[in-house]
């Protein structure tokens, strides 16, 4: 397994640019299965999960042409509705193949479950609820198999939870269903919106994009399209934490301001991070806005009214994203004061805090969902292992802020969600080396 060796305490300054949204790229790649015409995606992130899904699609007979940060996919020659089980089990995003395969080919089959981060139980019941409501049938035959006897039919569905990938599967399946589908309690994250905009370009009429009620008017035929993937707001949030706990001015180029409102409320209003937005109206597309994390920071937890200990918690969009909770924990270790971290969505995401405690952080893990962080505490380099994408990135931030040398193992977990992160950090002045 590869590892990073980081010498912390260095000043980081310069400009860094987020990649395309990983959680948008995966379902948008899967959407190519809905048509036999080419689908081109720009600003594609070159990360582990994307490479894995491209390998799955290639093995199914999809014609794939890559050029720089763009990819063109054509599913005219699809050979099978059964993805490679070994690859399918490596990433959670492979689940997004279910909806389009069932809608266009009436069949989906795999011999294993989807993979992804080990952050707690991640149920697929909502996927099955949506796809069976549209006309799919789950077969209990020792394999995970869905079949449809003819074309799927639109209907009115109340999702039992606002699941992002279940919403995406429902949107893609409904795009080729007969009639109109209403998805209530739908997820509305920016990556869900990106997928909707791609399907609109492919010829599907969708109402309510960005809301929790989506109306999808099924189409007899979808055509090819071209789409730019929006920047990864989770990576932007990671860089906010990076700039807050390391000395030096950090500029994050190409951000989307409307994706950052809740992050600003947490990082600025809760933790005291100093940052501001700069606009260049005549800049090219995707370059108009730069988020600047100020060189001088005075991180202080802002108490609630009456001096009560404040809380940082996560919830579906537009609330604070669960994928940024690990970053918030590390940032809080360097802020003056006490804050409660309440991770409501996954029961194992906070289990990485033992590694921060070993580095010197003062954290009380109350139960699987809650931790109390008291800061600031000087961190000291240690030997740690990355358990998942987001905890791995949080440990990398802690290492950059710590005194001494930290070795982080299993960094392929970080590579699954962050493209060339060691190269980008060295360009900012970090001392980080990748060891095979």
Protein backbone atom coordinates (compact mmCIF):
# COMPACT_ATOMS: atom_id res chain seq x y z
CA UNK A 1 0.00 0.00 0.00
CA UNK A 2 1.18 3.50 -0.81
CA UNK A 3 1.79 6.01 1.97
CA UNK A 4 2.42 9.73 2.44
CA UNK A 5 5.27 11.10 4.53
CA UNK A 6 4.49 14.66 5.61
CA UNK A 7 6.61 17.16 7.49
CA UNK A 8 4.12 19.53 9.06
CA UNK A 9 4.22 23.13 10.19
CA UNK A 10 5.08 24.67 6.82
CA UNK A 11 3.46 27.76 5.35
CA UNK A 12 1.14 26.93 2.46
CA UNK A 13 0.26 29.67 0.01
CA UNK A 14 -0.87 29.92 -3.57
CA UNK A 15 -3.81 28.90 -5.75
CA UNK A 16 -5.45 25.50 -5.82
CA UNK A 17 -8.28 24.35 -8.07
CA UNK A 18 -10.95 21.77 -7.22
CA UNK A 19 -11.61 18.90 -9.58
CA UNK A 20 -14.98 18.06 -11.09
CA UNK A 21 -17.51 16.76 -8.60
CA UNK A 22 -16.86 13.04 -8.03
CA UNK A 23 -20.41 12.42 -6.89
CA UNK A 24 -21.73 14.04 -10.07
CA UNK A 25 -19.28 12.31 -12.39
CA UNK A 26 -20.26 8.76 -11.39
CA UNK A 27 -24.02 8.93 -12.15
CA UNK A 28 -23.35 11.08 -15.22
CA UNK A 29 -21.05 8.34 -16.54
CA UNK A 30 -23.78 5.79 -15.84
CA UNK A 31 -26.29 7.95 -17.74
CA UNK A 32 -24.54 7.06 -21.01
CA UNK A 33 -26.40 3.71 -20.76
CA UNK A 34 -29.68 5.52 -21.45
CA UNK A 35 -28.86 6.22 -25.11
CA UNK A 36 -27.00 4.71 -28.05
CA UNK A 37 -25.62 8.14 -28.98
CA UNK A 38 -22.34 9.64 -27.64
CA UNK A 39 -22.33 11.45 -24.29
CA UNK A 40 -19.37 13.77 -23.62
CA UNK A 41 -18.42 14.96 -20.14
CA UNK A 42 -15.90 17.73 -19.48
CA UNK A 43 -13.98 18.47 -16.27
CA UNK A 44 -13.96 14.76 -15.43
CA UNK A 45 -12.02 14.08 -12.20
CA UNK A 46 -9.13 11.65 -12.69
CA UNK A 47 -9.57 9.78 -9.43
CA UNK A 48 -9.77 6.16 -8.33
CA UNK A 49 -13.56 5.80 -8.23
CA UNK A 50 -13.94 7.29 -11.72
CA UNK A 51 -11.25 4.98 -13.13
CA UNK A 52 -13.05 2.00 -11.59
CA UNK A 53 -16.44 2.92 -13.08
CA UNK A 54 -14.86 3.50 -16.50
CA UNK A 55 -13.34 0.00 -16.28
CA UNK A 56 -16.78 -1.42 -15.43
CA UNK A 57 -18.37 0.35 -18.40
CA UNK A 58 -15.56 -0.72 -20.72
CA UNK A 59 -16.08 -4.34 -19.67
CA UNK A 60 -19.78 -4.03 -20.54
CA UNK A 61 -18.97 -2.98 -24.09
CA UNK A 62 -19.19 0.80 -23.82
CA UNK A 63 -16.99 2.64 -26.30
CA UNK A 64 -14.87 5.13 -24.31
CA UNK A 65 -12.66 7.89 -25.70
CA UNK A 66 -10.66 10.03 -23.27
CA UNK A 67 -8.94 13.32 -24.06
CA UNK A 68 -7.43 15.46 -21.32
CA UNK A 69 -10.14 16.18 -18.79
CA UNK A 70 -12.94 15.00 -21.07
CA UNK A 71 -14.46 11.63 -21.91
CA UNK A 72 -16.92 10.52 -24.59
CA UNK A 73 -18.97 7.37 -24.02
CA UNK A 74 -21.22 5.49 -26.45
CA UNK A 75 -23.34 2.56 -25.27
CA UNK A 76 -24.45 1.44 -28.74
CA UNK A 77 -22.40 -1.74 -28.40
CA UNK A 78 -23.51 -2.72 -24.87
CA UNK A 79 -22.87 -6.47 -24.46
CA UNK A 80 -24.20 -7.25 -20.99
CA UNK A 81 -26.33 -5.91 -18.16
CA UNK A 82 -24.13 -7.70 -15.61
CA UNK A 83 -21.22 -5.51 -14.42
CA UNK A 84 -17.94 -7.12 -13.37
CA UNK A 85 -18.61 -8.16 -9.75
CA UNK A 86 -15.06 -7.56 -8.51
CA UNK A 87 -15.02 -3.99 -9.82
CA UNK A 88 -18.64 -3.38 -8.80
CA UNK A 89 -17.80 -4.23 -5.20
CA UNK A 90 -15.03 -1.62 -5.00
CA UNK A 91 -17.10 1.59 -5.20
CA UNK A 92 -20.46 2.78 -3.94
CA UNK A 93 -21.07 4.71 -7.15
CA UNK A 94 -21.49 1.46 -9.09
CA UNK A 95 -25.07 1.37 -7.77
CA UNK A 96 -25.95 4.13 -10.24
CA UNK A 97 -25.83 1.52 -13.02
CA UNK A 98 -29.04 -0.05 -11.73
CA UNK A 99 -31.54 2.56 -12.90
CA UNK A 100 -30.34 3.09 -16.47
CA UNK A 101 -29.77 -0.64 -17.13
CA UNK A 102 -33.23 -1.55 -15.85
CA UNK A 103 -34.88 1.30 -17.80
CA UNK A 104 -33.24 0.73 -21.17
CA UNK A 105 -32.48 -2.98 -21.12
CA UNK A 106 -34.99 -4.33 -18.62
CA UNK A 107 -32.31 -6.15 -16.66
CA UNK A 108 -29.61 -5.61 -14.05
CA UNK A 109 -27.58 -8.36 -12.42
CA UNK A 110 -24.54 -8.61 -10.18
CA UNK A 111 -23.20 -11.29 -7.82
CA UNK A 112 -21.95 -8.95 -5.11
CA UNK A 113 -22.81 -5.77 -3.25
CA UNK A 114 -21.47 -2.27 -3.93
CA UNK A 115 -18.38 -1.10 -2.08
CA UNK A 116 -17.34 2.33 -0.85
CA UNK A 117 -16.16 3.79 2.43
CA UNK A 118 -16.54 1.80 5.63
CA UNK A 119 -18.43 4.52 7.52
CA UNK A 120 -21.37 2.43 8.74
CA UNK A 121 -24.37 0.66 7.29
CA UNK A 122 -25.38 2.02 3.90
CA UNK A 123 -28.73 0.54 2.97
CA UNK A 124 -29.97 0.05 -0.60
CA UNK A 125 -33.63 -0.39 0.33
CA UNK A 126 -34.57 3.04 -1.04
CA UNK A 127 -33.06 2.09 -4.43
CA UNK A 128 -35.23 -1.03 -4.47
CA UNK A 129 -38.29 0.93 -3.34
CA UNK A 130 -37.94 3.34 -6.27
CA UNK A 131 -37.07 0.81 -8.96
CA UNK A 132 -39.78 -1.68 -7.97
CA UNK A 133 -42.35 1.14 -7.83
CA UNK A 134 -41.48 1.91 -11.46
CA UNK A 135 -42.06 -1.72 -12.46
CA UNK A 136 -38.85 -3.59 -11.65
CA UNK A 137 -38.93 -6.97 -9.92
CA UNK A 138 -36.25 -8.11 -7.47
CA UNK A 139 -35.35 -11.78 -7.96
CA UNK A 140 -34.11 -13.78 -4.97
CA UNK A 141 -31.94 -16.30 -6.73
CA UNK A 142 -28.55 -16.06 -5.02
CA UNK A 143 -27.68 -13.02 -7.15
CA UNK A 144 -28.66 -9.38 -6.95
CA UNK A 145 -30.94 -9.19 -9.97
CA UNK A 146 -33.66 -6.83 -11.17
CA UNK A 147 -35.90 -7.42 -14.18
CA UNK A 148 -38.67 -5.47 -15.88
CA UNK A 149 -41.40 -7.09 -17.96
CA UNK A 150 -41.57 -4.42 -20.61
CA UNK A 151 -41.20 -0.68 -20.27
CA UNK A 152 -41.10 0.91 -16.83
CA UNK A 153 -44.15 3.03 -15.90
CA UNK A 154 -44.07 6.41 -14.24
CA UNK A 155 -45.70 6.80 -10.84
CA UNK A 156 -45.76 8.98 -7.72
CA UNK A 157 -43.09 7.88 -5.22
CA UNK A 158 -42.31 9.12 -1.71
CA UNK A 159 -38.73 8.05 -0.95
CA UNK A 160 -38.35 6.66 2.55
CA UNK A 161 -35.14 8.71 2.91
CA UNK A 162 -33.52 11.49 0.88
CA UNK A 163 -30.89 9.14 -0.54
CA UNK A 164 -28.64 10.73 -3.16
CA UNK A 165 -27.88 7.60 -5.20
CA UNK A 166 -31.45 6.28 -4.91
CA UNK A 167 -32.72 9.63 -6.20
CA UNK A 168 -30.23 9.43 -9.08
CA UNK A 169 -31.32 5.88 -9.92
CA UNK A 170 -34.94 6.99 -9.82
CA UNK A 171 -34.32 9.97 -12.10
CA UNK A 172 -32.45 7.88 -14.68
CA UNK A 173 -35.00 5.05 -14.63
CA UNK A 174 -37.90 7.51 -14.90
CA UNK A 175 -36.24 9.27 -17.85
CA UNK A 176 -37.16 6.32 -20.10
CA UNK A 177 -40.32 5.25 -18.28
CA UNK A 178 -43.75 5.60 -19.82
CA UNK A 179 -45.58 8.63 -18.44
CA UNK A 180 -44.64 10.95 -15.59
CA UNK A 181 -42.80 10.11 -12.37
CA UNK A 182 -42.90 12.29 -9.25
CA UNK A 183 -40.09 11.72 -6.75
CA UNK A 184 -40.90 13.20 -3.35
CA UNK A 185 -38.37 13.57 -0.52
CA UNK A 186 -35.75 13.49 -3.27
CA UNK A 187 -32.14 14.47 -2.64
CA UNK A 188 -31.25 17.88 -4.06
CA UNK A 189 -27.44 18.09 -3.75
CA UNK A 190 -25.46 19.88 -6.49
CA UNK A 191 -24.42 16.52 -7.98
CA UNK A 192 -28.08 15.48 -8.28
CA UNK A 193 -28.73 18.79 -10.03
CA UNK A 194 -25.82 18.16 -12.43
CA UNK A 195 -27.30 14.78 -13.38
CA UNK A 196 -30.71 16.37 -13.97
CA UNK A 197 -29.21 19.04 -16.22
CA UNK A 198 -27.42 16.35 -18.25
CA UNK A 199 -30.66 14.40 -18.72
CA UNK A 200 -32.44 17.59 -19.80
CA UNK A 201 -29.76 18.06 -22.44
CA UNK A 202 -30.36 14.45 -23.51
CA UNK A 203 -34.03 15.25 -24.11
CA UNK A 204 -35.77 14.48 -20.81
CA UNK A 205 -38.07 17.10 -19.30
CA UNK A 206 -37.52 17.49 -15.54
CA UNK A 207 -39.27 19.97 -13.25
CA UNK A 208 -38.21 21.00 -9.75
CA UNK A 209 -34.42 20.69 -10.20
CA UNK A 210 -32.77 21.77 -6.95
CA UNK A 211 -35.86 21.01 -4.86
CA UNK A 212 -37.04 17.94 -2.94
CA UNK A 213 -39.84 17.19 -5.41
CA UNK A 214 -38.75 16.17 -8.89
CA UNK A 215 -41.17 15.60 -11.75
CA UNK A 216 -39.66 13.52 -14.54
CA UNK A 217 -41.53 13.22 -17.83
CA UNK A 218 -40.49 9.94 -19.42
CA UNK A 219 -39.19 9.96 -22.99
CA UNK A 220 -39.34 7.32 -25.70
CA UNK A 221 -35.79 8.10 -26.74
CA UNK A 222 -32.86 10.05 -25.31
CA UNK A 223 -30.09 11.42 -27.49
CA UNK A 224 -26.44 12.26 -26.91
CA UNK A 225 -25.31 15.38 -25.08
CA UNK A 226 -22.31 17.34 -23.84
CA UNK A 227 -21.96 18.55 -20.25
CA UNK A 228 -19.46 20.31 -17.97
CA UNK A 229 -19.19 18.77 -14.49
CA UNK A 230 -19.36 21.41 -11.76
CA UNK A 231 -16.45 21.76 -9.29
CA UNK A 232 -16.40 19.44 -6.28
CA UNK A 233 -17.75 21.48 -3.36
CA UNK A 234 -16.57 18.79 -0.92
CA UNK A 235 -13.01 19.33 -2.12
CA UNK A 236 -13.53 23.09 -1.73
CA UNK A 237 -14.61 22.48 1.88
CA UNK A 238 -11.49 20.37 2.45
CA UNK A 239 -9.32 23.24 1.23
CA UNK A 240 -11.16 25.67 3.52
CA UNK A 241 -10.07 23.51 6.44
CA UNK A 242 -6.54 23.30 5.02
CA UNK A 243 -6.19 27.07 4.71
CA UNK A 244 -7.68 27.65 8.16
CA UNK A 245 -5.19 25.49 10.10
CA UNK A 246 -1.97 26.14 8.14
CA UNK A 247 -0.21 29.52 7.79
CA UNK A 248 -0.34 31.35 4.46
CA UNK A 249 -3.00 32.72 2.11
CA UNK A 250 -4.81 29.97 0.18
CA UNK A 251 -6.81 30.82 -2.95
CA UNK A 252 -9.40 28.30 -4.18
CA UNK A 253 -10.15 29.08 -7.82
CA UNK A 254 -13.28 28.24 -9.77
CA UNK A 255 -15.82 27.84 -6.97
CA UNK A 256 -19.62 28.05 -7.22
CA UNK A 257 -20.80 30.51 -4.52
CA UNK A 258 -24.27 28.98 -4.10
CA UNK A 259 -22.63 25.66 -3.16
CA UNK A 260 -20.78 27.27 -0.24
CA UNK A 261 -23.49 28.96 1.84
CA UNK A 262 -23.81 26.32 4.57
CA UNK A 263 -20.02 25.78 4.62
CA UNK A 264 -19.57 29.48 5.30
CA UNK A 265 -22.10 29.31 8.14
CA UNK A 266 -20.16 26.47 9.78
CA UNK A 267 -16.55 27.44 9.09
CA UNK A 268 -17.02 31.19 9.54
CA UNK A 269 -19.91 31.53 12.01
CA UNK A 270 -19.09 28.45 14.10
CA UNK A 271 -15.28 28.13 13.93
CA UNK A 272 -14.19 31.68 13.13
CA UNK A 273 -12.44 31.00 9.81
CA UNK A 274 -11.57 34.21 7.97
CA UNK A 275 -12.25 34.02 4.24
CA UNK A 276 -13.77 36.08 1.46
CA UNK A 277 -14.99 35.71 -2.10
CA UNK A 278 -13.44 37.50 -5.07
CA UNK A 279 -15.24 37.87 -8.40
CA UNK A 280 -13.81 38.37 -11.88
CA UNK A 281 -16.94 38.82 -14.06
CA UNK A 282 -15.13 38.74 -17.42
CA UNK A 283 -13.22 35.51 -16.65
CA UNK A 284 -13.93 32.32 -18.65
CA UNK A 285 -16.66 29.91 -17.57
CA UNK A 286 -15.89 28.31 -14.22
CA UNK A 287 -13.23 30.91 -13.40
CA UNK A 288 -15.33 33.86 -12.21
CA UNK A 289 -15.18 33.20 -8.47
CA UNK A 290 -12.19 32.59 -6.18
CA UNK A 291 -12.53 31.82 -2.49
CA UNK A 292 -9.65 33.29 -0.47
CA UNK A 293 -8.73 31.82 2.92
CA UNK A 294 -7.02 34.72 4.66
CA UNK A 295 -3.40 34.48 5.72
CA UNK A 296 -4.15 35.64 9.25
CA UNK A 297 -6.49 33.40 11.21
CA UNK A 298 -7.82 33.57 14.76
CA UNK A 299 -9.92 30.44 15.01
CA UNK A 300 -12.47 30.69 17.81
CA UNK A 301 -15.56 28.61 18.39
CA UNK A 302 -18.55 30.95 18.44
CA UNK A 303 -20.86 29.96 21.35
CA UNK A 304 -24.62 29.81 20.97
CA UNK A 305 -26.83 32.48 22.57
CA UNK A 306 -26.26 32.61 26.31
CA UNK A 307 -22.79 31.05 26.05
CA UNK A 308 -24.05 27.52 25.31
CA UNK A 309 -21.68 25.06 23.64
CA UNK A 310 -22.49 25.10 19.90
CA UNK A 311 -23.04 22.08 17.69
CA UNK A 312 -21.93 21.20 14.17
CA UNK A 313 -24.15 18.56 12.61
CA UNK A 314 -24.85 17.19 9.16
CA UNK A 315 -28.02 16.54 7.20
CA UNK A 316 -29.16 16.27 3.56
CA UNK A 317 -28.62 19.30 1.31
CA UNK A 318 -28.75 22.23 1.81
CA UNK A 319 -27.49 21.43 5.32
CA UNK A 320 -23.82 20.82 6.14
CA UNK A 321 -22.55 17.90 4.02
CA UNK A 322 -21.72 14.67 5.89
CA UNK A 323 -18.57 14.29 3.76
CA UNK A 324 -17.16 17.42 5.43
CA UNK A 325 -17.68 16.34 9.04
CA UNK A 326 -14.16 14.87 9.26
CA UNK A 327 -12.71 18.17 8.00
CA UNK A 328 -14.77 20.10 10.56
CA UNK A 329 -13.39 17.90 13.36
CA UNK A 330 -9.78 18.63 12.43
CA UNK A 331 -10.46 22.35 12.03
CA UNK A 332 -12.12 22.42 15.47
CA UNK A 333 -8.99 20.93 17.10
CA UNK A 334 -7.18 24.17 16.20
CA UNK A 335 -9.95 26.57 17.31
CA UNK A 336 -10.22 28.19 20.74
CA UNK A 337 -13.23 26.75 22.55
CA UNK A 338 -15.46 23.70 22.73
CA UNK A 339 -17.82 22.37 20.08
CA UNK A 340 -20.03 19.29 19.78
CA UNK A 341 -19.74 17.32 16.53
CA UNK A 342 -22.95 15.41 15.78
CA UNK A 343 -22.59 13.00 12.85
CA UNK A 344 -26.20 11.89 12.39
CA UNK A 345 -25.98 9.95 9.16
CA UNK A 346 -23.21 7.33 9.53
CA UNK A 347 -22.35 5.47 12.71
CA UNK A 348 -18.68 4.80 11.89
CA UNK A 349 -17.49 8.06 10.37
CA UNK A 350 -16.14 9.47 13.66
CA UNK A 351 -14.12 6.37 14.54
CA UNK A 352 -11.00 7.95 13.01
CA UNK A 353 -10.74 10.46 15.89
CA UNK A 354 -8.57 8.01 17.86
CA UNK A 355 -5.82 8.84 15.37
CA UNK A 356 -6.25 12.57 16.05
CA UNK A 357 -6.17 11.90 19.79
CA UNK A 358 -2.88 10.05 19.30
CA UNK A 359 -1.57 13.19 17.56
CA UNK A 360 -2.53 15.32 20.58
CA UNK A 361 -6.11 16.41 19.89
CA UNK A 362 -8.47 16.74 22.85
CA UNK A 363 -11.57 14.88 21.72
CA UNK A 364 -14.14 12.91 23.69
CA UNK A 365 -16.00 10.36 21.57
CA UNK A 366 -19.34 10.24 23.39
CA UNK A 367 -20.91 7.54 21.19
CA UNK A 368 -20.70 6.52 17.49
CA UNK A 369 -22.46 9.72 16.44
CA UNK A 370 -21.17 12.44 18.78
CA UNK A 371 -17.80 13.87 19.76
CA UNK A 372 -16.76 16.85 21.87
CA UNK A 373 -13.73 18.74 20.57
CA UNK A 374 -11.77 21.12 22.81
CA UNK A 375 -9.13 23.34 21.25
CA UNK A 376 -6.71 24.54 20.38
CA UNK A 377 -4.26 21.67 20.81
CA UNK A 378 -0.82 21.33 19.26
CA UNK A 379 -0.66 18.25 17.09
CA UNK A 380 2.41 16.03 16.78
CA UNK A 381 3.27 13.81 13.85
CA UNK A 382 2.44 10.11 14.18
CA UNK A 383 2.10 6.99 12.04
CA UNK A 384 -1.55 6.59 11.04
CA UNK A 385 -3.67 4.86 8.39
CA UNK A 386 -6.39 6.30 6.18
CA UNK A 387 -9.66 4.44 6.83
CA UNK A 388 -11.73 6.14 4.10
CA UNK A 389 -11.63 9.04 1.63
CA UNK A 390 -12.77 11.86 3.90
CA UNK A 391 -11.07 10.71 7.12
CA UNK A 392 -7.90 10.23 5.09
CA UNK A 393 -8.06 13.81 3.85
CA UNK A 394 -8.75 15.04 7.39
CA UNK A 395 -5.66 13.19 8.65
CA UNK A 396 -3.66 14.75 5.83
CA UNK A 397 -4.77 18.21 7.00
CA UNK A 398 -3.84 17.34 10.58
CA UNK A 399 -0.40 16.16 9.43
CA UNK A 400 0.23 19.43 7.56
CA UNK A 401 -0.64 21.41 10.70
CA UNK A 402 1.29 19.14 13.10
CA UNK A 403 4.81 19.43 14.46
CA UNK A 404 7.20 16.80 13.12
CA UNK A 405 6.70 14.00 10.62
CA UNK A 406 3.50 12.02 10.00
CA UNK A 407 3.24 8.87 7.91
CA UNK A 408 -0.22 8.09 6.50
CA UNK A 409 -0.76 4.60 5.14
CA UNK A 410 -3.42 3.26 2.77
CA UNK A 411 -3.50 6.53 0.83
CA UNK A 412 -5.22 4.90 -2.14
CA UNK A 413 -8.35 5.66 -0.11
CA UNK A 414 -7.56 9.38 -0.43
CA UNK A 415 -6.76 8.90 -4.14
CA UNK A 416 -10.30 7.59 -4.66
CA UNK A 417 -11.66 11.11 -4.10
CA UNK A 418 -8.77 13.58 -4.54
CA UNK A 419 -6.79 13.89 -7.76
CA UNK A 420 -2.99 14.21 -7.45
CA UNK A 421 -3.41 15.70 -3.98
CA UNK A 422 0.28 15.32 -3.10
CA UNK A 423 1.30 17.15 -6.30
CA UNK A 424 -1.14 19.99 -5.59
CA UNK A 425 0.04 20.36 -1.99
CA UNK A 426 3.73 20.43 -2.97
CA UNK A 427 2.91 23.28 -5.35
CA UNK A 428 1.63 25.20 -2.31
CA UNK A 429 4.84 24.59 -0.36
CA UNK A 430 3.96 21.42 1.55
CA UNK A 431 6.59 18.82 2.38
CA UNK A 432 4.82 15.62 1.28
CA UNK A 433 6.31 12.53 -0.33
CA UNK A 434 4.48 9.52 -1.76
CA UNK A 435 6.09 6.18 -1.01
CA UNK A 436 5.12 3.00 -2.89
